[in-house]
Every structure is written in structure tokens, then in C-alpha cells.
C-alpha atoms as a PDB file:
ATOM      1  CA  UNK A   1      12.150 -23.015 -19.504  1.00  0.00           C
ATOM      2  CA  UNK A   2      11.141 -24.428 -16.128  1.00  0.00           C
ATOM      3  CA  UNK A   3       8.107 -26.680 -16.198  1.00  0.00           C
ATOM      4  CA  UNK A   4       6.431 -27.238 -12.844  1.00  0.00           C
ATOM      5  CA  UNK A   5       3.682 -29.825 -12.465  1.00  0.00           C
ATOM      6  CA  UNK A   6       1.681 -30.410  -9.293  1.00  0.00           C
ATOM      7  CA  UNK A   7      -0.340 -33.629  -9.116  1.00  0.00           C
ATOM      8  CA  UNK A   8      -3.610 -33.825  -7.196  1.00  0.00           C
ATOM      9  CA  UNK A   9      -5.593 -36.974  -6.456  1.00  0.00           C
ATOM     10  CA  UNK A  10      -9.372 -37.217  -6.884  1.00  0.00           C
ATOM     11  CA  UNK A  11      -9.936 -35.677  -3.431  1.00  0.00           C
ATOM     12  CA  UNK A  12      -7.746 -32.639  -4.348  1.00  0.00           C
ATOM     13  CA  UNK A  13      -4.880 -33.851  -2.131  1.00  0.00           C
ATOM     14  CA  UNK A  14      -1.484 -32.906  -3.537  1.00  0.00           C
ATOM     15  CA  UNK A  15       0.365 -36.208  -3.795  1.00  0.00           C
ATOM     16  CA  UNK A  16       3.425 -35.285  -5.878  1.00  0.00           C
ATOM     17  CA  UNK A  17       5.168 -32.585  -7.859  1.00  0.00           C
ATOM     18  CA  UNK A  18       7.816 -32.376 -10.541  1.00  0.00           C
ATOM     19  CA  UNK A  19      10.056 -29.535 -11.685  1.00  0.00           C
ATOM     20  CA  UNK A  20      12.186 -29.782 -14.828  1.00  0.00           C
ATOM     21  CA  UNK A  21      14.344 -27.473 -16.900  1.00  0.00           C
ATOM     22  CA  UNK A  22      16.155 -24.210 -16.382  1.00  0.00           C
ATOM     23  CA  UNK A  23      14.750 -20.684 -16.484  1.00  0.00           C
ATOM     24  CA  UNK A  24      17.677 -19.121 -18.373  1.00  0.00           C
ATOM     25  CA  UNK A  25      16.365 -15.680 -17.459  1.00  0.00           C
ATOM     26  CA  UNK A  26      19.796 -14.377 -16.510  1.00  0.00           C
ATOM     27  CA  UNK A  27      23.451 -15.252 -16.109  1.00  0.00           C
ATOM     28  CA  UNK A  28      24.371 -18.158 -13.858  1.00  0.00           C
ATOM     29  CA  UNK A  29      24.190 -16.864 -10.302  1.00  0.00           C
ATOM     30  CA  UNK A  30      22.012 -13.913 -11.371  1.00  0.00           C
ATOM     31  CA  UNK A  31      18.890 -15.793 -12.521  1.00  0.00           C
ATOM     32  CA  UNK A  32      16.136 -14.573 -10.164  1.00  0.00           C
ATOM     33  CA  UNK A  33      13.487 -16.840 -11.685  1.00  0.00           C
ATOM     34  CA  UNK A  34      15.618 -19.929 -11.126  1.00  0.00           C
ATOM     35  CA  UNK A  35      16.378 -18.722  -7.618  1.00  0.00           C
ATOM     36  CA  UNK A  36      12.690 -18.204  -6.835  1.00  0.00           C
ATOM     37  CA  UNK A  37      11.671 -21.675  -8.008  1.00  0.00           C
ATOM     38  CA  UNK A  38      14.670 -23.275  -6.295  1.00  0.00           C
ATOM     39  CA  UNK A  39      13.911 -21.607  -2.972  1.00  0.00           C
ATOM     40  CA  UNK A  40      10.265 -22.666  -3.160  1.00  0.00           C
ATOM     41  CA  UNK A  41      11.226 -26.262  -3.954  1.00  0.00           C
ATOM     42  CA  UNK A  42      14.004 -26.612  -1.368  1.00  0.00           C
ATOM     43  CA  UNK A  43      11.909 -24.981   1.352  1.00  0.00           C
ATOM     44  CA  UNK A  44       9.013 -27.306   0.530  1.00  0.00           C
ATOM     45  CA  UNK A  45      11.162 -30.448   0.655  1.00  0.00           C
ATOM     46  CA  UNK A  46      12.746 -29.313   3.929  1.00  0.00           C
ATOM     47  CA  UNK A  47       9.350 -28.423   5.397  1.00  0.00           C
ATOM     48  CA  UNK A  48       7.842 -31.768   4.481  1.00  0.00           C
ATOM     49  CA  UNK A  49      10.806 -33.671   5.919  1.00  0.00           C
ATOM     50  CA  UNK A  50      11.744 -31.569   8.958  1.00  0.00           C
ATOM     51  CA  UNK A  51       8.555 -29.792  10.028  1.00  0.00           C
ATOM     52  CA  UNK A  52       5.835 -32.249   9.014  1.00  0.00           C
ATOM     53  CA  UNK A  53       8.194 -35.249   9.353  1.00  0.00           C
ATOM     54  CA  UNK A  54       6.773 -36.920   6.260  1.00  0.00           C
ATOM     55  CA  UNK A  55       8.910 -39.676   4.709  1.00  0.00           C
ATOM     56  CA  UNK A  56       8.764 -38.332   1.154  1.00  0.00           C
ATOM     57  CA  UNK A  57      10.376 -39.933  -1.882  1.00  0.00           C
ATOM     58  CA  UNK A  58      12.704 -37.391  -3.526  1.00  0.00           C
ATOM     59  CA  UNK A  59      14.494 -37.746  -6.852  1.00  0.00           C
ATOM     60  CA  UNK A  60      16.881 -34.967  -7.831  1.00  0.00           C
ATOM     61  CA  UNK A  61      19.028 -34.925 -10.985  1.00  0.00           C
ATOM     62  CA  UNK A  62      20.736 -31.593 -11.645  1.00  0.00           C
ATOM     63  CA  UNK A  63      22.717 -33.030 -14.549  1.00  0.00           C
ATOM     64  CA  UNK A  64      19.545 -34.100 -16.388  1.00  0.00           C
ATOM     65  CA  UNK A  65      18.518 -30.570 -17.326  1.00  0.00           C
ATOM     66  CA  UNK A  66      17.279 -29.731 -13.847  1.00  0.00           C
ATOM     67  CA  UNK A  67      14.924 -32.335 -12.392  1.00  0.00           C
ATOM     68  CA  UNK A  68      13.182 -32.669  -9.038  1.00  0.00           C
ATOM     69  CA  UNK A  69      10.346 -35.050  -8.293  1.00  0.00           C
ATOM     70  CA  UNK A  70       8.693 -35.532  -4.902  1.00  0.00           C
ATOM     71  CA  UNK A  71       6.072 -38.126  -3.922  1.00  0.00           C
ATOM     72  CA  UNK A  72       4.142 -38.309  -0.656  1.00  0.00           C
ATOM     73  CA  UNK A  73       3.095 -41.579   0.945  1.00  0.00           C
ATOM     74  CA  UNK A  74      -0.551 -42.427   0.156  1.00  0.00           C
ATOM     75  CA  UNK A  75      -1.691 -42.581   3.798  1.00  0.00           C
ATOM     76  CA  UNK A  76      -0.665 -40.286   6.622  1.00  0.00           C
ATOM     77  CA  UNK A  77      -1.900 -39.617  10.137  1.00  0.00           C
ATOM     78  CA  UNK A  78      -4.461 -36.771  10.101  1.00  0.00           C
ATOM     79  CA  UNK A  79      -2.311 -34.076  11.753  1.00  0.00           C
ATOM     80  CA  UNK A  80       0.693 -34.957   9.601  1.00  0.00           C
ATOM     81  CA  UNK A  81      -1.509 -34.836   6.495  1.00  0.00           C
ATOM     82  CA  UNK A  82      -2.762 -31.339   7.410  1.00  0.00           C
ATOM     83  CA  UNK A  83       0.777 -30.063   7.912  1.00  0.00           C
ATOM     84  CA  UNK A  84       1.965 -31.566   4.656  1.00  0.00           C
ATOM     85  CA  UNK A  85      -0.942 -30.232   2.621  1.00  0.00           C
ATOM     86  CA  UNK A  86      -0.517 -26.734   4.084  1.00  0.00           C
ATOM     87  CA  UNK A  87       3.151 -26.764   3.048  1.00  0.00           C
ATOM     88  CA  UNK A  88       2.330 -28.141  -0.406  1.00  0.00           C
ATOM     89  CA  UNK A  89      -0.528 -25.706  -1.058  1.00  0.00           C
ATOM     90  CA  UNK A  90       1.749 -22.782  -0.167  1.00  0.00           C
ATOM     91  CA  UNK A  91       4.326 -24.224  -2.571  1.00  0.00           C
ATOM     92  CA  UNK A  92       1.757 -24.588  -5.368  1.00  0.00           C
ATOM     93  CA  UNK A  93       0.503 -21.024  -4.802  1.00  0.00           C
ATOM     94  CA  UNK A  94       4.064 -19.687  -4.927  1.00  0.00           C
ATOM     95  CA  UNK A  95       4.858 -21.588  -8.114  1.00  0.00           C
ATOM     96  CA  UNK A  96       1.665 -20.367  -9.754  1.00  0.00           C
ATOM     97  CA  UNK A  97       2.558 -16.770  -8.852  1.00  0.00           C
ATOM     98  CA  UNK A  98       6.092 -17.090 -10.257  1.00  0.00           C
ATOM     99  CA  UNK A  99       4.713 -18.666 -13.452  1.00  0.00           C
ATOM    100  CA  UNK A 100       2.137 -15.883 -13.791  1.00  0.00           C
ATOM    101  CA  UNK A 101       4.770 -13.162 -13.421  1.00  0.00           C
ATOM    102  CA  UNK A 102       7.479 -14.825 -15.524  1.00  0.00           C
ATOM    103  CA  UNK A 103       5.533 -16.536 -18.321  1.00  0.00           C
ATOM    104  CA  UNK A 104       8.565 -16.617 -20.642  1.00  0.00           C
ATOM    105  CA  UNK A 105      10.534 -18.700 -18.143  1.00  0.00           C
ATOM    106  CA  UNK A 106       8.126 -20.873 -16.099  1.00  0.00           C
ATOM    107  CA  UNK A 107       5.034 -22.908 -16.863  1.00  0.00           C
ATOM    108  CA  UNK A 108       2.761 -24.274 -14.144  1.00  0.00           C
ATOM    109  CA  UNK A 109       0.499 -27.278 -14.655  1.00  0.00           C
ATOM    110  CA  UNK A 110      -2.094 -28.666 -12.276  1.00  0.00           C
ATOM    111  CA  UNK A 111      -2.840 -32.318 -12.993  1.00  0.00           C
ATOM    112  CA  UNK A 112      -5.711 -34.196 -11.343  1.00  0.00           C
ATOM    113  CA  UNK A 113      -5.444 -37.978 -11.392  1.00  0.00           C
END
């Protein structure tokens, strides 16, 4: 099962997220749930780095049962912050939708620090 956790600070700013596990909803190469979560995650990382130009901290360990963790810097310029939060909120909404539609394969957790 994929477990996705999105961390919010006290002001409801998304400051990190973590994805672990495998969906196992189909054969390797045919797993649409895994593909959906992977596309959301990769697009989000690329958007944060290339579009918003945010120097994020990324840890990725495929061999450890599927693991991706992303942290944003605590302080960003206002326009950069808006871009990053728009990308991250779209990501969180997409993850929540996948988890809602594929409850046997994905769990979504919102954590407020």
C-alpha cells in the first residue's frame, strides 16, 4: 500500500511531503495506481524545482520499499512561495483524489505541525 503524508505548518503552509510503499494494484508496468501517484510526485518535484525554482531537499530511495520525501526551505520570497504552494496544493488535491478512489491501495494523511 502507498502511504502519502503531507505536512502543513501552523499557518497551513505545506512544508514537506512523504510517499512510501507500493500500490500493488496490478502487474509491474500495468499498475495504474502506482503510475498516478508517481506522475503526481514527479510532476510536483519538477514543478517546484524548474517552474518555481525552489531549492527543495529531495530524498528518494526506490530500493527501500518506495520512498520519496521532499522538504521546502522555511523562508521564501513571496512570489516564489505562492508558486510553490499552488503546485503543492494541486499535488495534495490529486493525492487525496487518488486515495479516495483507490482506498485499497493508497492512504492519504494530512499532518499539521
